[in-house]
Amino acid sequence: MDIAGNTVFIPGATSGIGLALALRLQQEGNTVIVGGRRTALLEQIVAEHPGLHAVQIDTTDPVSIQRAAAQVLADHPDVDVLVTMAGIMRVEDWTTSQFLSSAEETVTTNLLGPIRLIAAFVEHLRSRPAATIMTVSSGLAFAPLRITPSYNATKAAVHMLSESLRLQLAGTSVSVVELEPPSVRTALLPGQEESEFAMPLADFVDEVTELIRTQPDAREIQVENVKFLRYGEARGDYDHVVATLNHLDPHGN
């Protein structure tokens, strides 16, 4: 993925990493379309950031995804980057049956959402001279936070989906890039925006932007802060990584 000259659609970009990345990619010389559920919020974002585009989309709803995809492709037929950003993170207690609705919602948003988005765009992306699907997993795809089992599992699934999709799209014009955030100061979980354990959002986006700029052929976008989690198993210290994560992350206790 080149850092500039793209037309990028980022569903799930009305806050947090999604919005920060959208604004940075716009600054770098890309046409950016943000997606989200709340029309009023999208209108506010577009008004505050001239040149940014927006489309209403609910990534838990397959009909909404199809409708939004049709609108994006009609308004921006040169779209060549899809970032499957939308996701949720829920604290769950699996020692009782009360976790089920949360788990189902997490799977629908974090796993079915990206699958449906890719299905809606893959044929168009294959028609472009060069295109990118950027999936978004997590450091927790590689080491589990005790209190978020469904989130961990869906992000591990996104990682393997990315690996598999890359194999299937080999030899086509579409590359698959996996963004692997560590804990970042966003509102993903209560208190995370103030967490000293989490990486400042601006620092994260700075590093991601530089990685895209300097490593356009990268398969995985990994800031330094995520490598402790990402490579624990490869280093042979996985148990230490899991214990350290769950001791240091304020949500893990």
Protein backbone atom coordinates (compact mmCIF):
# COMPACT_ATOMS: atom_id res chain seq x y z
CA MET A 1 0.00 0.00 0.00
CA ASP A 2 1.37 3.39 -0.99
CA ILE A 3 1.02 6.19 1.54
CA ALA A 4 -0.61 8.61 -0.93
CA GLY A 5 -2.74 8.71 -4.05
CA ASN A 6 -5.39 6.23 -2.91
CA THR A 7 -9.14 6.39 -2.51
CA VAL A 8 -9.77 4.81 0.88
CA PHE A 9 -13.01 3.61 2.48
CA ILE A 10 -12.85 3.12 6.27
CA PRO A 11 -16.09 1.87 7.85
CA GLY A 12 -15.91 2.35 11.60
CA ALA A 13 -14.05 5.64 11.39
CA THR A 14 -16.14 8.04 13.47
CA SER A 15 -13.86 7.82 16.52
CA GLY A 16 -10.69 6.27 17.89
CA ILE A 17 -8.12 4.65 15.63
CA GLY A 18 -10.46 4.72 12.64
CA LEU A 19 -11.01 8.47 12.65
CA ALA A 20 -7.40 9.29 13.52
CA LEU A 21 -6.13 7.10 10.68
CA ALA A 22 -8.68 8.56 8.27
CA LEU A 23 -7.56 12.11 9.01
CA ARG A 24 -3.89 11.21 8.71
CA LEU A 25 -4.40 9.43 5.39
CA GLN A 26 -6.29 12.47 4.11
CA GLN A 27 -3.38 14.70 5.15
CA GLU A 28 -1.01 12.39 3.29
CA GLY A 29 -2.82 12.99 0.01
CA ASN A 30 -5.54 10.36 -0.15
CA THR A 31 -9.25 10.68 -0.83
CA VAL A 32 -10.90 9.23 2.28
CA ILE A 33 -14.47 8.08 2.89
CA VAL A 34 -15.39 7.38 6.50
CA GLY A 35 -18.29 5.16 7.47
CA GLY A 36 -20.39 4.97 10.60
CA ARG A 37 -23.88 4.37 11.91
CA ARG A 38 -24.83 7.86 13.10
CA THR A 39 -25.67 10.27 10.30
CA ALA A 40 -25.47 13.35 12.52
CA LEU A 41 -21.97 12.43 13.68
CA LEU A 42 -20.84 11.79 10.11
CA GLU A 43 -22.16 15.20 9.06
CA GLN A 44 -20.31 16.82 11.96
CA ILE A 45 -17.04 15.09 11.04
CA VAL A 46 -17.33 16.12 7.38
CA ALA A 47 -18.11 19.71 8.39
CA GLU A 48 -15.07 19.84 10.68
CA HIS A 49 -12.74 18.27 8.10
CA PRO A 50 -13.31 19.68 4.60
CA GLY A 51 -12.53 17.23 1.84
CA LEU A 52 -13.42 14.19 3.92
CA HIS A 53 -16.35 12.13 2.61
CA ALA A 54 -18.83 10.02 4.57
CA VAL A 55 -21.36 7.26 4.10
CA GLN A 56 -23.80 5.80 6.61
CA ILE A 57 -23.15 2.11 7.33
CA ASP A 58 -23.94 -0.41 10.05
CA THR A 59 -21.42 -3.23 9.68
CA THR A 60 -23.61 -5.57 11.76
CA ASP A 61 -26.33 -5.35 9.09
CA PRO A 62 -25.68 -7.09 5.74
CA VAL A 63 -28.30 -4.96 3.98
CA SER A 64 -26.63 -1.77 5.22
CA ILE A 65 -23.25 -3.03 4.01
CA GLN A 66 -24.61 -3.72 0.53
CA ARG A 67 -26.31 -0.33 0.37
CA ALA A 68 -23.22 1.52 1.57
CA ALA A 69 -20.95 -0.39 -0.82
CA ALA A 70 -23.19 0.55 -3.74
CA GLN A 71 -23.08 4.21 -2.69
CA VAL A 72 -19.31 4.24 -2.23
CA LEU A 73 -18.69 2.61 -5.60
CA ALA A 74 -21.14 4.93 -7.35
CA ASP A 75 -19.67 8.09 -5.81
CA HIS A 76 -16.04 6.93 -5.81
CA PRO A 77 -15.52 4.37 -8.60
CA ASP A 78 -11.76 4.64 -8.14
CA VAL A 79 -11.81 3.35 -4.54
CA ASP A 80 -8.80 1.08 -4.18
CA VAL A 81 -8.30 0.64 -0.43
CA LEU A 82 -10.76 -0.96 2.00
CA VAL A 83 -9.95 -0.77 5.72
CA THR A 84 -12.20 -3.09 7.75
CA MET A 85 -11.89 -1.00 10.89
CA ALA A 86 -15.24 -1.37 12.69
CA GLY A 87 -15.03 -3.38 15.90
CA ILE A 88 -16.21 -3.65 19.50
CA MET A 89 -14.61 -4.93 22.71
CA ARG A 90 -16.66 -6.20 25.63
CA VAL A 91 -15.74 -7.41 29.11
CA GLU A 92 -17.24 -10.89 29.54
CA ASP A 93 -17.51 -13.45 32.32
CA TRP A 94 -17.72 -16.92 30.80
CA THR A 95 -18.23 -18.64 34.17
CA THR A 96 -21.98 -18.06 33.73
CA SER A 97 -24.22 -18.10 30.67
CA GLN A 98 -24.69 -14.32 30.75
CA PHE A 99 -21.84 -13.79 28.27
CA LEU A 100 -23.71 -15.19 25.27
CA SER A 101 -25.37 -12.06 23.87
CA SER A 102 -22.14 -10.09 24.18
CA ALA A 103 -20.18 -12.87 22.47
CA GLU A 104 -22.66 -13.06 19.60
CA GLU A 105 -22.56 -9.30 19.11
CA THR A 106 -18.77 -9.32 19.12
CA VAL A 107 -18.57 -12.09 16.52
CA THR A 108 -21.12 -10.34 14.32
CA THR A 109 -19.28 -7.01 14.45
CA ASN A 110 -15.64 -8.09 14.50
CA LEU A 111 -15.71 -11.12 12.23
CA LEU A 112 -18.88 -11.21 10.12
CA GLY A 113 -18.57 -7.46 9.50
CA PRO A 114 -15.15 -7.68 7.80
CA ILE A 115 -16.19 -10.83 5.91
CA ARG A 116 -19.27 -9.10 4.52
CA LEU A 117 -17.32 -5.95 3.68
CA ILE A 118 -14.72 -7.92 1.77
CA ALA A 119 -17.46 -9.77 -0.10
CA ALA A 120 -19.02 -6.45 -1.08
CA PHE A 121 -15.77 -4.96 -2.42
CA VAL A 122 -13.43 -7.74 -3.53
CA GLU A 123 -14.56 -7.96 -7.15
CA HIS A 124 -14.31 -4.21 -7.58
CA LEU A 125 -10.87 -4.14 -5.95
CA ARG A 126 -9.70 -6.90 -8.28
CA SER A 127 -10.66 -4.68 -11.22
CA ARG A 128 -8.28 -1.93 -10.06
CA PRO A 129 -4.65 -1.85 -11.25
CA ALA A 130 -3.49 -1.98 -7.63
CA ALA A 131 -5.63 -2.28 -4.52
CA THR A 132 -5.38 -3.08 -0.82
CA ILE A 133 -7.57 -4.74 1.77
CA MET A 134 -6.39 -3.67 5.22
CA THR A 135 -7.75 -5.87 7.97
CA VAL A 136 -7.52 -4.87 11.62
CA SER A 137 -6.64 -7.52 14.18
CA SER A 138 -4.96 -6.81 17.53
CA GLY A 139 -2.06 -7.76 19.74
CA LEU A 140 -4.73 -9.77 21.57
CA ALA A 141 -4.96 -12.05 18.54
CA PHE A 142 -1.64 -13.45 19.75
CA ALA A 143 -1.90 -13.24 23.55
CA PRO A 144 -5.24 -13.22 25.41
CA LEU A 145 -6.52 -10.61 27.83
CA ARG A 146 -8.45 -12.63 30.41
CA ILE A 147 -11.59 -10.48 30.51
CA THR A 148 -12.24 -10.20 26.75
CA PRO A 149 -12.42 -13.78 25.39
CA SER A 150 -14.72 -13.08 22.43
CA TYR A 151 -12.67 -10.09 21.33
CA ASN A 152 -9.46 -12.12 21.53
CA ALA A 153 -11.00 -14.93 19.51
CA THR A 154 -12.42 -12.70 16.78
CA LYS A 155 -9.11 -10.90 16.35
CA ALA A 156 -7.26 -14.22 16.14
CA ALA A 157 -9.77 -15.20 13.45
CA VAL A 158 -9.13 -11.94 11.58
CA HIS A 159 -5.42 -12.71 11.63
CA MET A 160 -5.91 -16.17 10.11
CA LEU A 161 -8.48 -14.81 7.66
CA SER A 162 -5.89 -12.26 6.53
CA GLU A 163 -3.29 -14.98 6.05
CA SER A 164 -5.73 -17.12 4.06
CA LEU A 165 -7.06 -14.26 1.96
CA ARG A 166 -3.52 -13.23 1.07
CA LEU A 167 -2.92 -16.73 -0.32
CA GLN A 168 -6.10 -16.65 -2.38
CA LEU A 169 -5.39 -13.19 -3.79
CA ALA A 170 -1.76 -13.97 -4.63
CA GLY A 171 -1.18 -13.11 -8.26
CA THR A 172 -4.02 -10.59 -8.38
CA SER A 173 -3.82 -6.81 -8.11
CA VAL A 174 -5.07 -6.90 -4.49
CA SER A 175 -2.70 -6.98 -1.54
CA VAL A 176 -3.76 -7.85 2.01
CA VAL A 177 -2.27 -5.86 4.88
CA GLU A 178 -3.03 -6.62 8.53
CA LEU A 179 -2.93 -3.76 11.02
CA GLU A 180 -2.15 -5.10 14.51
CA PRO A 181 -2.73 -2.44 17.18
CA PRO A 182 -1.56 -2.82 20.76
CA SER A 183 -3.63 -1.25 23.52
CA VAL A 184 -4.25 2.33 22.34
CA ARG A 185 -5.82 5.22 24.25
CA THR A 186 -9.32 5.14 22.77
CA ALA A 187 -12.82 4.57 24.14
CA LEU A 188 -12.80 0.89 23.12
CA LEU A 189 -13.07 -0.06 26.81
CA PRO A 190 -14.06 2.15 29.76
CA GLY A 191 -11.03 3.92 31.16
CA GLN A 192 -8.75 3.08 28.25
CA GLU A 193 -8.47 6.70 27.09
CA GLU A 194 -6.73 7.52 30.39
CA SER A 195 -4.73 4.29 30.72
CA GLU A 196 -0.97 4.69 31.15
CA PHE A 197 -0.61 1.13 29.87
CA ALA A 198 -2.15 2.08 26.51
CA MET A 199 -0.23 3.79 23.71
CA PRO A 200 -1.20 7.43 22.99
CA LEU A 201 -3.40 7.54 19.90
CA ALA A 202 -1.35 10.22 18.12
CA ASP A 203 1.87 8.25 18.66
CA PHE A 204 0.24 5.11 17.30
CA VAL A 205 -1.00 6.81 14.13
CA ASP A 206 2.38 8.54 13.65
CA GLU A 207 4.15 5.18 13.74
CA VAL A 208 1.58 3.45 11.53
CA THR A 209 1.86 6.22 8.93
CA GLU A 210 5.63 5.96 8.89
CA LEU A 211 5.49 2.18 8.54
CA ILE A 212 3.15 2.47 5.56
CA ARG A 213 5.44 5.09 4.04
CA THR A 214 8.67 3.14 4.52
CA GLN A 215 7.35 -0.42 4.12
CA PRO A 216 4.78 -0.30 1.29
CA ASP A 217 5.09 -4.07 0.75
CA ALA A 218 4.55 -5.00 4.41
CA ARG A 219 2.07 -7.76 5.13
CA GLU A 220 1.60 -6.76 8.77
CA ILE A 221 1.72 -3.25 10.21
CA GLN A 222 3.27 -3.65 13.66
CA VAL A 223 4.24 -0.74 15.86
CA GLU A 224 7.00 -1.54 18.35
CA ASN A 225 4.55 -1.70 21.25
CA VAL A 226 2.70 -4.70 19.80
CA LYS A 227 5.72 -6.90 19.14
CA PHE A 228 5.90 -8.12 22.75
CA LEU A 229 2.46 -9.70 22.24
CA ARG A 230 2.86 -10.64 18.56
CA TYR A 231 6.01 -12.72 18.91
CA GLY A 232 5.73 -14.29 22.35
CA GLU A 233 5.10 -17.75 20.97
CA ALA A 234 7.93 -17.43 18.43
CA ARG A 235 10.36 -16.25 21.14
CA GLY A 236 9.31 -19.08 23.44
CA ASP A 237 8.09 -16.82 26.26
CA TYR A 238 4.35 -16.99 25.57
CA ASP A 239 3.36 -17.84 29.17
CA HIS A 240 5.39 -14.87 30.42
CA VAL A 241 3.74 -12.59 27.84
CA VAL A 242 0.25 -13.68 28.88
CA ALA A 243 1.01 -13.28 32.57
CA THR A 244 2.62 -9.87 32.06
CA LEU A 245 -0.23 -8.62 29.88
CA ASN A 246 -2.88 -9.61 32.39
CA HIS A 247 -0.88 -8.18 35.29
CA LEU A 248 -0.04 -4.81 33.72
CA ASP A 249 -3.20 -4.04 31.74
CA PRO A 250 -5.56 -2.39 34.25
CA HIS A 251 -8.50 -4.19 32.61
CA GLY A 252 -6.91 -7.60 33.17
CA ASN A 253 -7.29 -7.71 36.94
